[in-house]
């Protein structure tokens, strides 16, 4: 097991910095079954990156990057279509039924 998150992470921005959360591992399995919330000081959505080889968002898990004016950025298992070589892409990523994002 590379990491397992089952609690609450609140990354609320200070001043003009965005709320950001980064969870990752080079090998192993990453499991999220807690809550992650990322917003900036103005209430806009922040940035959450969850990267690793095998990732799972369990049905009790929730990721909130919503905002009053605009939403944030979520990378779960890599960039869209895996086209950015600077971002590690997962071999397998699973999002269970019943998750909240």
Protein backbone atom coordinates (compact mmCIF):
# COMPACT_ATOMS: atom_id res chain seq x y z
CA UNK A 1 0.00 0.00 0.00
CA UNK A 2 1.50 3.32 -1.04
CA UNK A 3 -1.08 5.58 0.63
CA UNK A 4 -4.57 5.39 2.10
CA UNK A 5 -6.62 8.45 2.96
CA UNK A 6 -9.69 7.96 5.12
CA UNK A 7 -10.06 11.28 6.92
CA UNK A 8 -10.58 14.85 5.80
CA UNK A 9 -8.17 17.11 3.93
CA UNK A 10 -9.14 20.78 3.62
CA UNK A 11 -6.79 22.89 1.52
CA UNK A 12 -8.17 26.38 1.75
CA UNK A 13 -6.12 29.03 0.05
CA UNK A 14 -4.60 31.96 1.87
CA UNK A 15 -4.42 35.38 0.25
CA UNK A 16 -4.12 34.91 -3.52
CA UNK A 17 -2.83 31.32 -3.46
CA UNK A 18 -5.08 28.47 -4.56
CA UNK A 19 -5.90 25.57 -2.30
CA UNK A 20 -3.90 22.59 -3.56
CA UNK A 21 -3.71 18.91 -2.55
CA UNK A 22 -1.16 16.47 -3.97
CA UNK A 23 -1.20 12.74 -3.12
CA UNK A 24 1.03 10.38 -5.02
CA UNK A 25 3.33 7.41 -5.09
CA UNK A 26 5.70 5.79 -7.55
CA UNK A 27 4.47 2.24 -6.88
CA UNK A 28 1.70 0.44 -5.07
CA UNK A 29 -1.93 1.23 -4.51
CA UNK A 30 -3.48 4.54 -3.47
CA UNK A 31 -6.93 4.41 -1.89
CA UNK A 32 -9.14 7.39 -1.09
CA UNK A 33 -12.20 6.80 1.09
CA UNK A 34 -12.23 10.12 2.91
CA UNK A 35 -12.97 13.70 1.91
CA UNK A 36 -10.71 16.12 0.05
CA UNK A 37 -11.74 19.76 -0.36
CA UNK A 38 -9.63 22.32 -2.27
CA UNK A 39 -10.69 25.95 -2.72
CA UNK A 40 -8.87 29.25 -2.89
CA UNK A 41 -9.39 32.23 -0.59
CA UNK A 42 -12.05 33.66 -2.93
CA UNK A 43 -14.08 30.45 -2.89
CA UNK A 44 -13.01 29.27 -6.35
CA UNK A 45 -12.14 25.63 -6.87
CA UNK A 46 -8.51 24.68 -6.15
CA UNK A 47 -6.34 21.86 -7.52
CA UNK A 48 -6.24 18.18 -6.49
CA UNK A 49 -3.72 15.74 -7.97
CA UNK A 50 -3.95 12.07 -7.00
CA UNK A 51 -1.29 10.18 -8.91
CA UNK A 52 0.15 6.69 -8.68
CA UNK A 53 0.28 3.29 -10.32
CA UNK A 54 -3.05 1.87 -9.03
CA UNK A 55 -5.69 4.28 -7.70
CA UNK A 56 -9.13 3.77 -6.20
CA UNK A 57 -11.76 6.26 -5.05
CA UNK A 58 -14.03 4.21 -2.79
CA UNK A 59 -17.76 4.80 -2.43
CA UNK A 60 -17.31 6.76 0.82
CA UNK A 61 -14.82 9.08 -0.85
CA UNK A 62 -15.52 12.66 -1.91
CA UNK A 63 -13.41 15.20 -3.80
CA UNK A 64 -14.70 18.78 -3.86
CA UNK A 65 -13.08 21.32 -6.18
CA UNK A 66 -16.26 23.33 -6.70
CA UNK A 67 -16.36 27.09 -6.41
CA UNK A 68 -18.70 30.06 -6.44
CA UNK A 69 -17.35 31.53 -9.67
CA UNK A 70 -15.39 28.66 -11.21
CA UNK A 71 -14.47 25.07 -10.49
CA UNK A 72 -10.98 23.77 -9.96
CA UNK A 73 -8.77 21.10 -11.49
CA UNK A 74 -8.79 17.40 -10.62
CA UNK A 75 -6.16 14.98 -11.90
CA UNK A 76 -7.05 11.46 -10.81
CA UNK A 77 -4.60 9.04 -12.38
CA UNK A 78 -3.05 11.53 -14.78
CA UNK A 79 -3.89 14.16 -17.36
CA UNK A 80 -6.74 13.70 -19.85
CA UNK A 81 -5.73 11.12 -22.46
CA UNK A 82 -2.29 10.78 -20.81
CA UNK A 83 -0.70 13.24 -23.22
CA UNK A 84 1.38 15.27 -20.74
CA UNK A 85 4.71 13.47 -20.15
CA UNK A 86 5.35 15.62 -17.05
CA UNK A 87 2.39 13.99 -15.23
CA UNK A 88 2.56 10.36 -14.11
CA UNK A 89 -0.32 8.28 -15.49
CA UNK A 90 -1.87 5.41 -13.56
CA UNK A 91 -1.84 1.87 -14.90
CA UNK A 92 -5.32 1.38 -13.39
CA UNK A 93 -7.74 3.81 -11.80
CA UNK A 94 -11.16 2.97 -10.34
CA UNK A 95 -14.00 5.17 -9.15
CA UNK A 96 -16.63 3.18 -7.30
CA UNK A 97 -20.36 3.79 -7.64
CA UNK A 98 -21.63 6.12 -4.93
CA UNK A 99 -18.61 8.42 -4.72
CA UNK A 100 -19.12 12.18 -4.56
CA UNK A 101 -17.02 14.47 -6.72
